[in-house]
Amino acid sequence: MIFAIPFPDISPEIFAIEIGQFSFALRWYALAYVVGILLGWRLAVLALRRDRLWPGLKKPFDPAKAEDLITAVILGILLGGRLGFVFFYQPGYYLSHPAQIPMIWQGGMSFHGGMLGMASGALWFAWKHKVRVLTILDLMALGTPPGLLLGRIANFINAELWGRPTDLPWGVIFPGEAAQDCAGVAGLCARHPSQLYEAGLEGIVLGALVIFVVFARAWTRRPGQVTGLFLVGYGAARIFVEFFRQADAQFIAPDNPMGYVVQIGAAGLSMGQLLSLPMVALGLAFILRARSRP
């Protein structure tokens, strides 16, 4: 490996406190969740304060009620994200060790599961406050990209979800298992920083696009349109990045070194791509439906 970037010396823990048998550590990943949710909440409140952005030029509900929505979002992310990881990625292990399912602090969250959990929270909020479900989903779509940006950066700091081996000059030599021999190359192995690819596409590019169409083009006047854009944008970004991202270990086998869950000849689809394809299709359906209405 001629060109490679050493992994920066950043601890996954911001600080740790130990007092006798009590210990507490604040991790970058936890901080990313908290700050991402707060930024999403502020974006939602800013949108709710502008009547011109909504159908009938009237906001759907009082911005003060957004706190209930945030509660539903947090519960949806935690429950859906964890259960999604359990059943999408390691069902056999967790069905054999059910006591470990609630142990979120040990790691293991799924974005697709978290998205389903958020949608469930949107249904509850819409039922409670008599608001259109699509309007709530649009607000969630507006507030989600900041969390994606910070979460993927936290993945990079944690040196997890790394990419496939590469000889490109921006390849990163991650510590631990990722640095072992790979693809027949002796010595340290440089890999795609796929976490940063996702941070840029899902967080910055998609986030800027969603903010633009909401505040500059008032796409929220057609309920479901912003949700459709988010689903298409995230799904397309995830499908693209999966070509550079290392497959999850449980899917890799001697006869399947690329970790495909669906094989089509020499090619195939990863779990991330398989879960993202329906997102793109559903997003397009949302956009077409919204565009077909006055």
C-alpha atoms as a PDB file:
ATOM      1  CA  MET A   1       0.000   0.000   0.000  1.00  0.00           C
ATOM      2  CA  ILE A   2       1.729   3.185  -1.209  1.00  0.00           C
ATOM      3  CA  PHE A   3      -0.923   5.775  -0.393  1.00  0.00           C
ATOM      4  CA  ALA A   4      -3.135   5.482   2.661  1.00  0.00           C
ATOM      5  CA  ILE A   5      -4.440   7.651   5.495  1.00  0.00           C
ATOM      6  CA  PRO A   6      -3.736   6.452   9.048  1.00  0.00           C
ATOM      7  CA  PHE A   7      -6.831   6.316  11.216  1.00  0.00           C
ATOM      8  CA  PRO A   8      -7.036   9.434  13.432  1.00  0.00           C
ATOM      9  CA  ASP A   9      -6.396   8.865  17.128  1.00  0.00           C
ATOM     10  CA  ILE A  10      -9.918   9.679  18.391  1.00  0.00           C
ATOM     11  CA  SER A  11     -11.393   7.765  21.293  1.00  0.00           C
ATOM     12  CA  PRO A  12     -14.993   6.550  20.872  1.00  0.00           C
ATOM     13  CA  GLU A  13     -15.590   7.949  24.377  1.00  0.00           C
ATOM     14  CA  ILE A  14     -15.715  11.705  24.916  1.00  0.00           C
ATOM     15  CA  PHE A  15     -15.180  11.233  28.637  1.00  0.00           C
ATOM     16  CA  ALA A  16     -15.612   8.560  31.280  1.00  0.00           C
ATOM     17  CA  ILE A  17     -16.352   8.793  34.994  1.00  0.00           C
ATOM     18  CA  GLU A  18     -15.608   6.026  37.494  1.00  0.00           C
ATOM     19  CA  ILE A  19     -16.593   6.312  41.160  1.00  0.00           C
ATOM     20  CA  GLY A  20     -16.126   3.039  43.007  1.00  0.00           C
ATOM     21  CA  GLN A  21     -18.213   0.417  41.230  1.00  0.00           C
ATOM     22  CA  PHE A  22     -20.137   3.066  39.292  1.00  0.00           C
ATOM     23  CA  SER A  23     -18.928   3.986  35.815  1.00  0.00           C
ATOM     24  CA  PHE A  24     -20.355   6.193  33.088  1.00  0.00           C
ATOM     25  CA  ALA A  25     -19.020   7.045  29.645  1.00  0.00           C
ATOM     26  CA  LEU A  26     -20.374   9.495  27.096  1.00  0.00           C
ATOM     27  CA  ARG A  27     -19.725   8.158  23.598  1.00  0.00           C
ATOM     28  CA  TRP A  28     -19.675  10.091  20.337  1.00  0.00           C
ATOM     29  CA  TYR A  29     -22.383   7.783  18.987  1.00  0.00           C
ATOM     30  CA  ALA A  30     -24.778   8.654  21.819  1.00  0.00           C
ATOM     31  CA  LEU A  31     -24.015  12.363  21.419  1.00  0.00           C
ATOM     32  CA  ALA A  32     -24.722  12.071  17.673  1.00  0.00           C
ATOM     33  CA  TYR A  33     -28.201  10.688  18.426  1.00  0.00           C
ATOM     34  CA  VAL A  34     -28.980  13.446  20.939  1.00  0.00           C
ATOM     35  CA  VAL A  35     -27.696  16.353  18.827  1.00  0.00           C
ATOM     36  CA  GLY A  36     -29.238  14.927  15.642  1.00  0.00           C
ATOM     37  CA  ILE A  37     -32.668  14.695  17.271  1.00  0.00           C
ATOM     38  CA  LEU A  38     -32.388  18.240  18.651  1.00  0.00           C
ATOM     39  CA  LEU A  39     -31.406  19.646  15.238  1.00  0.00           C
ATOM     40  CA  GLY A  40     -34.268  17.761  13.595  1.00  0.00           C
ATOM     41  CA  TRP A  41     -36.674  19.165  16.188  1.00  0.00           C
ATOM     42  CA  ARG A  42     -35.484  22.730  15.511  1.00  0.00           C
ATOM     43  CA  LEU A  43     -35.930  22.303  11.759  1.00  0.00           C
ATOM     44  CA  ALA A  44     -39.458  21.010  12.316  1.00  0.00           C
ATOM     45  CA  VAL A  45     -40.310  23.967  14.577  1.00  0.00           C
ATOM     46  CA  LEU A  46     -38.915  26.449  12.032  1.00  0.00           C
ATOM     47  CA  ALA A  47     -41.124  24.920   9.344  1.00  0.00           C
ATOM     48  CA  LEU A  48     -44.204  24.910  11.597  1.00  0.00           C
ATOM     49  CA  ARG A  49     -43.803  28.634  12.247  1.00  0.00           C
ATOM     50  CA  ARG A  50     -44.250  29.420   8.530  1.00  0.00           C
ATOM     51  CA  ASP A  51     -47.877  29.186   7.424  1.00  0.00           C
ATOM     52  CA  ARG A  52     -46.945  29.613   3.750  1.00  0.00           C
ATOM     53  CA  LEU A  53     -45.287  26.189   3.709  1.00  0.00           C
ATOM     54  CA  TRP A  54     -48.461  24.203   4.403  1.00  0.00           C
ATOM     55  CA  PRO A  55     -51.699  23.299   2.608  1.00  0.00           C
ATOM     56  CA  GLY A  56     -54.230  26.103   2.879  1.00  0.00           C
ATOM     57  CA  LEU A  57     -51.368  28.406   3.957  1.00  0.00           C
ATOM     58  CA  LYS A  58     -51.934  27.343   7.556  1.00  0.00           C
ATOM     59  CA  LYS A  59     -49.607  25.320   9.781  1.00  0.00           C
ATOM     60  CA  PRO A  60     -50.991  21.842  10.614  1.00  0.00           C
ATOM     61  CA  PHE A  61     -50.558  22.174  14.397  1.00  0.00           C
ATOM     62  CA  ASP A  62     -49.033  24.413  17.035  1.00  0.00           C
ATOM     63  CA  PRO A  63     -45.200  24.218  17.146  1.00  0.00           C
ATOM     64  CA  ALA A  64     -45.386  23.639  20.917  1.00  0.00           C
ATOM     65  CA  LYS A  65     -46.842  20.183  20.228  1.00  0.00           C
ATOM     66  CA  ALA A  66     -43.628  19.206  18.454  1.00  0.00           C
ATOM     67  CA  GLU A  67     -42.338  17.973  21.822  1.00  0.00           C
ATOM     68  CA  ASP A  68     -44.841  15.090  21.670  1.00  0.00           C
ATOM     69  CA  LEU A  69     -43.576  14.319  18.183  1.00  0.00           C
ATOM     70  CA  ILE A  70     -39.968  14.233  19.411  1.00  0.00           C
ATOM     71  CA  THR A  71     -40.957  11.759  22.144  1.00  0.00           C
ATOM     72  CA  ALA A  72     -42.559   9.502  19.544  1.00  0.00           C
ATOM     73  CA  VAL A  73     -39.485   9.821  17.295  1.00  0.00           C
ATOM     74  CA  ILE A  74     -37.057   8.882  20.086  1.00  0.00           C
ATOM     75  CA  LEU A  75     -39.067   5.820  21.090  1.00  0.00           C
ATOM     76  CA  GLY A  76     -39.473   4.821  17.440  1.00  0.00           C
ATOM     77  CA  ILE A  77     -35.751   5.119  16.733  1.00  0.00           C
ATOM     78  CA  LEU A  78     -34.726   3.112  19.792  1.00  0.00           C
ATOM     79  CA  LEU A  79     -37.295   0.325  19.490  1.00  0.00           C
ATOM     80  CA  GLY A  80     -37.399   0.114  15.708  1.00  0.00           C
ATOM     81  CA  GLY A  81     -33.654   0.510  15.246  1.00  0.00           C
ATOM     82  CA  ARG A  82     -32.846  -2.230  17.723  1.00  0.00           C
ATOM     83  CA  LEU A  83     -35.509  -4.688  16.590  1.00  0.00           C
ATOM     84  CA  GLY A  84     -34.578  -4.017  12.971  1.00  0.00           C
ATOM     85  CA  PHE A  85     -30.963  -4.968  13.689  1.00  0.00           C
ATOM     86  CA  VAL A  86     -32.058  -8.072  15.577  1.00  0.00           C
ATOM     87  CA  PHE A  87     -34.405  -9.429  12.898  1.00  0.00           C
ATOM     88  CA  PHE A  88     -32.757  -8.093   9.719  1.00  0.00           C
ATOM     89  CA  TYR A  89     -29.138  -8.892  10.517  1.00  0.00           C
ATOM     90  CA  GLN A  90     -28.730 -11.433  13.354  1.00  0.00           C
ATOM     91  CA  PRO A  91     -32.077 -13.164  14.028  1.00  0.00           C
ATOM     92  CA  GLY A  92     -30.546 -16.559  14.775  1.00  0.00           C
ATOM     93  CA  TYR A  93     -28.174 -15.235  17.422  1.00  0.00           C
ATOM     94  CA  TYR A  94     -30.710 -13.073  19.254  1.00  0.00           C
ATOM     95  CA  LEU A  95     -33.454 -15.686  19.167  1.00  0.00           C
ATOM     96  CA  SER A  96     -30.946 -17.931  20.928  1.00  0.00           C
ATOM     97  CA  HIS A  97     -29.979 -15.134  23.352  1.00  0.00           C
ATOM     98  CA  PRO A  98     -33.218 -13.137  23.856  1.00  0.00           C
ATOM     99  CA  ALA A  99     -31.951 -11.502  27.051  1.00  0.00           C
ATOM    100  CA  GLN A 100     -29.443  -9.536  24.949  1.00  0.00           C
ATOM    101  CA  ILE A 101     -32.085  -7.950  22.691  1.00  0.00           C
ATOM    102  CA  PRO A 102     -32.666  -4.895  24.940  1.00  0.00           C
ATOM    103  CA  MET A 103     -28.908  -4.345  25.497  1.00  0.00           C
ATOM    104  CA  ILE A 104     -28.650  -1.371  23.134  1.00  0.00           C
ATOM    105  CA  TRP A 105     -25.483  -0.141  24.852  1.00  0.00           C
ATOM    106  CA  GLN A 106     -23.611  -3.117  23.385  1.00  0.00           C
ATOM    107  CA  GLY A 107     -24.211  -1.739  19.872  1.00  0.00           C
ATOM    108  CA  GLY A 108     -26.361  -2.845  16.964  1.00  0.00           C
ATOM    109  CA  MET A 109     -28.933  -0.495  15.403  1.00  0.00           C
ATOM    110  CA  SER A 110     -30.576  -0.590  11.976  1.00  0.00           C
ATOM    111  CA  PHE A 111     -31.540   2.571  10.094  1.00  0.00           C
ATOM    112  CA  HIS A 112     -34.290   0.772   8.173  1.00  0.00           C
ATOM    113  CA  GLY A 113     -35.741  -0.531  11.438  1.00  0.00           C
ATOM    114  CA  GLY A 114     -35.470   2.916  12.995  1.00  0.00           C
ATOM    115  CA  MET A 115     -37.313   4.383  10.013  1.00  0.00           C
ATOM    116  CA  LEU A 116     -40.179   1.936  10.506  1.00  0.00           C
ATOM    117  CA  GLY A 117     -40.224   2.853  14.186  1.00  0.00           C
ATOM    118  CA  MET A 118     -40.389   6.550  13.327  1.00  0.00           C
ATOM    119  CA  ALA A 119     -43.278   5.872  10.954  1.00  0.00           C
ATOM    120  CA  SER A 120     -45.108   4.108  13.789  1.00  0.00           C
ATOM    121  CA  GLY A 121     -44.492   7.152  15.974  1.00  0.00           C
ATOM    122  CA  ALA A 122     -45.902   9.367  13.222  1.00  0.00           C
ATOM    123  CA  LEU A 123     -49.090   7.271  13.122  1.00  0.00           C
ATOM    124  CA  TRP A 124     -49.508   7.641  16.887  1.00  0.00           C
ATOM    125  CA  PHE A 125     -48.930  11.407  16.817  1.00  0.00           C
ATOM    126  CA  ALA A 126     -51.269  11.906  13.857  1.00  0.00           C
ATOM    127  CA  TRP A 127     -54.011   9.903  15.598  1.00  0.00           C
ATOM    128  CA  LYS A 128     -53.597  11.760  18.887  1.00  0.00           C
ATOM    129  CA  HIS A 129     -53.555  15.274  17.396  1.00  0.00           C
ATOM    130  CA  LYS A 130     -55.827  14.652  14.379  1.00  0.00           C
ATOM    131  CA  VAL A 131     -53.142  15.619  11.847  1.00  0.00           C
ATOM    132  CA  ARG A 132     -52.468  14.140   8.400  1.00  0.00           C
ATOM    133  CA  VAL A 133     -49.991  11.258   8.642  1.00  0.00           C
ATOM    134  CA  LEU A 134     -48.195  12.410   5.485  1.00  0.00           C
ATOM    135  CA  THR A 135     -47.648  15.854   6.994  1.00  0.00           C
ATOM    136  CA  ILE A 136     -45.963  14.291  10.036  1.00  0.00           C
ATOM    137  CA  LEU A 137     -43.833  12.098   7.797  1.00  0.00           C
ATOM    138  CA  ASP A 138     -42.766  15.190   5.841  1.00  0.00           C
ATOM    139  CA  LEU A 139     -41.637  16.851   9.071  1.00  0.00           C
ATOM    140  CA  MET A 140     -39.658  13.739  10.009  1.00  0.00           C
ATOM    141  CA  ALA A 141     -38.062  13.650   6.561  1.00  0.00           C
ATOM    142  CA  LEU A 142     -36.992  17.263   7.037  1.00  0.00           C
ATOM    143  CA  GLY A 143     -35.433  16.583  10.436  1.00  0.00           C
ATOM    144  CA  THR A 144     -33.698  13.253   9.782  1.00  0.00           C
ATOM    145  CA  PRO A 145     -30.597  14.172   7.647  1.00  0.00           C
ATOM    146  CA  PRO A 146     -28.705  15.972  10.470  1.00  0.00           C
ATOM    147  CA  GLY A 147     -28.912  12.805  12.552  1.00  0.00           C
ATOM    148  CA  LEU A 148     -27.698  10.716   9.613  1.00  0.00           C
ATOM    149  CA  LEU A 149     -24.732  13.041   9.120  1.00  0.00           C
ATOM    150  CA  LEU A 150     -23.669  12.923  12.762  1.00  0.00           C
ATOM    151  CA  GLY A 151     -24.411   9.218  13.134  1.00  0.00           C
ATOM    152  CA  ARG A 152     -22.195   8.252  10.189  1.00  0.00           C
ATOM    153  CA  ILE A 153     -19.380  10.441  11.499  1.00  0.00           C
ATOM    154  CA  ALA A 154     -19.739   8.626  14.832  1.00  0.00           C
ATOM    155  CA  ASN A 155     -19.517   5.300  12.953  1.00  0.00           C
ATOM    156  CA  PHE A 156     -16.201   6.505  11.511  1.00  0.00           C
ATOM    157  CA  ILE A 157     -14.888   7.532  14.944  1.00  0.00           C
ATOM    158  CA  ASN A 158     -15.913   4.108  16.290  1.00  0.00           C
ATOM    159  CA  ALA A 159     -14.002   2.466  13.390  1.00  0.00           C
ATOM    160  CA  GLU A 160     -17.073   0.390  12.488  1.00  0.00           C
ATOM    161  CA  LEU A 161     -19.012  -0.286   9.275  1.00  0.00           C
ATOM    162  CA  TRP A 162     -15.844   0.292   7.276  1.00  0.00           C
ATOM    163  CA  GLY A 163     -15.528  -0.110   3.522  1.00  0.00           C
ATOM    164  CA  ARG A 164     -14.028  -2.659   1.177  1.00  0.00           C
ATOM    165  CA  PRO A 165     -10.268  -2.746   0.484  1.00  0.00           C
ATOM    166  CA  THR A 166      -8.980  -0.027  -1.847  1.00  0.00           C
ATOM    167  CA  ASP A 167      -5.709   1.337  -3.236  1.00  0.00           C
ATOM    168  CA  LEU A 168      -7.136   4.828  -3.727  1.00  0.00           C
ATOM    169  CA  PRO A 169      -5.115   7.607  -2.025  1.00  0.00           C
ATOM    170  CA  TRP A 170      -7.920   8.387   0.443  1.00  0.00           C
ATOM    171  CA  GLY A 171      -8.135   4.814   1.697  1.00  0.00           C
ATOM    172  CA  VAL A 172      -8.019   4.638   5.499  1.00  0.00           C
ATOM    173  CA  ILE A 173      -6.130   2.085   7.586  1.00  0.00           C
ATOM    174  CA  PHE A 174      -8.696   1.309  10.270  1.00  0.00           C
ATOM    175  CA  PRO A 175      -7.482  -0.287  13.517  1.00  0.00           C
ATOM    176  CA  GLY A 176      -8.189  -3.814  14.673  1.00  0.00           C
ATOM    177  CA  GLU A 177      -9.725  -6.462  12.442  1.00  0.00           C
ATOM    178  CA  ALA A 178     -10.135  -4.065   9.510  1.00  0.00           C
ATOM    179  CA  ALA A 179      -6.342  -3.618   9.250  1.00  0.00           C
ATOM    180  CA  GLN A 180      -5.647  -7.321   8.744  1.00  0.00           C
ATOM    181  CA  ASP A 181      -4.542  -8.770   5.417  1.00  0.00           C
ATOM    182  CA  CYS A 182      -7.236  -8.498   2.764  1.00  0.00           C
ATOM    183  CA  ALA A 183      -7.639  -9.257  -0.934  1.00  0.00           C
ATOM    184  CA  GLY A 184      -4.295 -11.031  -0.965  1.00  0.00           C
ATOM    185  CA  VAL A 185      -2.368  -7.872  -0.029  1.00  0.00           C
ATOM    186  CA  ALA A 186       0.205  -8.430   2.701  1.00  0.00           C
ATOM    187  CA  GLY A 187       0.479  -5.957   5.540  1.00  0.00           C
ATOM    188  CA  LEU A 188      -1.972  -3.318   6.658  1.00  0.00           C
ATOM    189  CA  CYS A 189      -5.110  -2.971   4.564  1.00  0.00           C
ATOM    190  CA  ALA A 190      -6.532   0.405   3.529  1.00  0.00           C
ATOM    191  CA  ARG A 191     -10.286   0.565   3.095  1.00  0.00           C
ATOM    192  CA  HIS A 192     -12.904   2.927   1.717  1.00  0.00           C
ATOM    193  CA  PRO A 193     -14.126   5.329   4.443  1.00  0.00           C
ATOM    194  CA  SER A 194     -17.670   4.358   3.509  1.00  0.00           C
ATOM    195  CA  GLN A 195     -19.046   5.934   6.696  1.00  0.00           C
ATOM    196  CA  LEU A 196     -17.923   9.349   5.397  1.00  0.00           C
ATOM    197  CA  TYR A 197     -19.375   8.615   1.949  1.00  0.00           C
ATOM    198  CA  GLU A 198     -22.736   8.052   3.636  1.00  0.00           C
ATOM    199  CA  ALA A 199     -22.338  11.134   5.833  1.00  0.00           C
ATOM    200  CA  GLY A 200     -21.792  13.264   2.735  1.00  0.00           C
ATOM    201  CA  LEU A 201     -24.589  11.798   0.618  1.00  0.00           C
ATOM    202  CA  GLU A 202     -27.273  11.079   3.243  1.00  0.00           C
ATOM    203  CA  GLY A 203     -26.471  13.954   5.576  1.00  0.00           C
ATOM    204  CA  ILE A 204     -25.112  16.885   3.572  1.00  0.00           C
ATOM    205  CA  VAL A 205     -26.397  16.389   0.008  1.00  0.00           C
ATOM    206  CA  LEU A 206     -29.808  14.948   0.871  1.00  0.00           C
ATOM    207  CA  GLY A 207     -30.202  17.295   3.847  1.00  0.00           C
ATOM    208  CA  ALA A 208     -29.457  20.390   1.759  1.00  0.00           C
ATOM    209  CA  LEU A 209     -31.864  19.222  -0.944  1.00  0.00           C
ATOM    210  CA  VAL A 210     -34.702  18.576   1.513  1.00  0.00           C
ATOM    211  CA  ILE A 211     -34.189  21.923   3.273  1.00  0.00           C
ATOM    212  CA  PHE A 212     -34.212  23.704  -0.099  1.00  0.00           C
ATOM    213  CA  VAL A 213     -37.436  22.139  -1.383  1.00  0.00           C
ATOM    214  CA  VAL A 214     -39.197  22.772   1.947  1.00  0.00           C
ATOM    215  CA  PHE A 215     -38.217  26.358   2.695  1.00  0.00           C
ATOM    216  CA  ALA A 216     -37.607  27.665  -0.849  1.00  0.00           C
ATOM    217  CA  ARG A 217     -40.145  25.627  -2.849  1.00  0.00           C
ATOM    218  CA  ALA A 218     -42.774  24.805  -0.193  1.00  0.00           C
ATOM    219  CA  TRP A 219     -42.997  21.145  -1.218  1.00  0.00           C
ATOM    220  CA  THR A 220     -44.810  20.530   2.090  1.00  0.00           C
ATOM    221  CA  ARG A 221     -47.954  22.017   0.502  1.00  0.00           C
ATOM    222  CA  ARG A 222     -48.347  18.650  -1.205  1.00  0.00           C
ATOM    223  CA  PRO A 223     -48.317  16.150   1.714  1.00  0.00           C
ATOM    224  CA  GLY A 224     -46.052  13.186   1.106  1.00  0.00           C
ATOM    225  CA  GLN A 225     -43.847  14.849  -1.480  1.00  0.00           C
ATOM    226  CA  VAL A 226     -40.945  15.573   0.895  1.00  0.00           C
ATOM    227  CA  THR A 227     -41.231  12.076   2.353  1.00  0.00           C
ATOM    228  CA  GLY A 228     -40.972  10.648  -1.157  1.00  0.00           C
ATOM    229  CA  LEU A 229     -37.881  12.723  -1.924  1.00  0.00           C
ATOM    230  CA  PHE A 230     -36.215  11.576   1.287  1.00  0.00           C
ATOM    231  CA  LEU A 231     -36.975   7.898   0.621  1.00  0.00           C
ATOM    232  CA  VAL A 232     -35.660   8.081  -2.943  1.00  0.00           C
ATOM    233  CA  GLY A 233     -32.592  10.072  -1.914  1.00  0.00           C
ATOM    234  CA  TYR A 234     -31.644   7.895   1.028  1.00  0.00           C
ATOM    235  CA  GLY A 235     -32.359   4.656  -0.807  1.00  0.00           C
ATOM    236  CA  ALA A 236     -30.286   5.689  -3.839  1.00  0.00           C
ATOM    237  CA  ALA A 237     -27.396   6.892  -1.653  1.00  0.00           C
ATOM    238  CA  ARG A 238     -27.376   3.683   0.387  1.00  0.00           C
ATOM    239  CA  ILE A 239     -27.519   1.467  -2.704  1.00  0.00           C
ATOM    240  CA  PHE A 240     -24.540   3.362  -4.170  1.00  0.00           C
ATOM    241  CA  VAL A 241     -22.415   3.292  -0.999  1.00  0.00           C
ATOM    242  CA  GLU A 242     -23.040  -0.434  -0.500  1.00  0.00           C
ATOM    243  CA  PHE A 243     -20.753  -1.067  -3.486  1.00  0.00           C
ATOM    244  CA  PHE A 244     -17.892   0.304  -1.357  1.00  0.00           C
ATOM    245  CA  ARG A 245     -18.990  -0.906   2.083  1.00  0.00           C
ATOM    246  CA  GLN A 246     -17.746  -4.134   3.642  1.00  0.00           C
ATOM    247  CA  ALA A 247     -20.539  -6.656   4.010  1.00  0.00           C
ATOM    248  CA  ASP A 248     -21.616  -7.711   7.496  1.00  0.00           C
ATOM    249  CA  ALA A 249     -19.573 -10.662   8.743  1.00  0.00           C
ATOM    250  CA  GLN A 250     -22.594 -12.940   9.207  1.00  0.00           C
ATOM    251  CA  PHE A 251     -23.303 -12.815   5.447  1.00  0.00           C
ATOM    252  CA  ILE A 252     -19.748 -13.580   4.284  1.00  0.00           C
ATOM    253  CA  ALA A 253     -18.883 -17.187   3.438  1.00  0.00           C
ATOM    254  CA  PRO A 254     -16.128 -18.933   1.442  1.00  0.00           C
ATOM    255  CA  ASP A 255     -18.497 -19.284  -1.513  1.00  0.00           C
ATOM    256  CA  ASN A 256     -19.895 -15.773  -0.975  1.00  0.00           C
ATOM    257  CA  PRO A 257     -16.933 -13.467  -0.156  1.00  0.00           C
ATOM    258  CA  MET A 258     -18.891 -10.324  -1.084  1.00  0.00           C
ATOM    259  CA  GLY A 259     -21.611 -11.069   1.469  1.00  0.00           C
ATOM    260  CA  TYR A 260     -24.548 -10.964  -0.947  1.00  0.00           C
ATOM    261  CA  VAL A 261     -27.932 -11.950   0.477  1.00  0.00           C
ATOM    262  CA  VAL A 262     -29.342 -12.319  -3.049  1.00  0.00           C
ATOM    263  CA  GLN A 263     -26.976 -13.624  -5.717  1.00  0.00           C
ATOM    264  CA  ILE A 264     -27.528 -13.101  -9.433  1.00  0.00           C
ATOM    265  CA  GLY A 265     -24.732 -14.903 -11.225  1.00  0.00           C
ATOM    266  CA  ALA A 266     -21.433 -13.289 -10.252  1.00  0.00           C
ATOM    267  CA  ALA A 267     -23.230 -10.212  -8.910  1.00  0.00           C
ATOM    268  CA  GLY A 268     -25.785  -9.771  -6.189  1.00  0.00           C
ATOM    269  CA  LEU A 269     -27.421  -7.533  -3.608  1.00  0.00           C
ATOM    270  CA  SER A 270     -26.272  -6.784  -0.074  1.00  0.00           C
ATOM    271  CA  MET A 271     -28.736  -6.585   2.800  1.00  0.00           C
ATOM    272  CA  GLY A 272     -28.521  -2.777   2.725  1.00  0.00           C
ATOM    273  CA  GLN A 273     -29.358  -2.699  -0.976  1.00  0.00           C
ATOM    274  CA  LEU A 274     -32.162  -5.221  -0.601  1.00  0.00           C
ATOM    275  CA  LEU A 275     -33.789  -3.089   2.104  1.00  0.00           C
ATOM    276  CA  SER A 276     -33.242   0.154   0.171  1.00  0.00           C
ATOM    277  CA  LEU A 277     -34.840  -0.873  -3.130  1.00  0.00           C
ATOM    278  CA  PRO A 278     -38.394  -0.848  -1.688  1.00  0.00           C
ATOM    279  CA  MET A 279     -37.617   2.570  -0.188  1.00  0.00           C
ATOM    280  CA  VAL A 280     -36.876   3.999  -3.648  1.00  0.00           C
ATOM    281  CA  ALA A 281     -40.029   2.452  -5.121  1.00  0.00           C
ATOM    282  CA  LEU A 282     -42.176   3.686  -2.221  1.00  0.00           C
ATOM    283  CA  GLY A 283     -40.627   7.157  -2.460  1.00  0.00           C
ATOM    284  CA  LEU A 284     -41.430   7.435  -6.154  1.00  0.00           C
ATOM    285  CA  ALA A 285     -45.004   6.359  -5.408  1.00  0.00           C
ATOM    286  CA  PHE A 286     -45.295   9.066  -2.745  1.00  0.00           C
ATOM    287  CA  ILE A 287     -44.037  11.749  -5.151  1.00  0.00           C
ATOM    288  CA  LEU A 288     -46.324  10.663  -8.014  1.00  0.00           C
ATOM    289  CA  ARG A 289     -49.306  10.532  -5.674  1.00  0.00           C
ATOM    290  CA  ALA A 290     -48.596  14.005  -4.317  1.00  0.00           C
ATOM    291  CA  ARG A 291     -48.047  15.427  -7.809  1.00  0.00           C
ATOM    292  CA  SER A 292     -51.325  13.975  -9.071  1.00  0.00           C
ATOM    293  CA  ARG A 293     -53.344  15.965  -6.508  1.00  0.00           C
ATOM    294  CA  PRO A 294     -54.209  19.682  -6.633  1.00  0.00           C
END
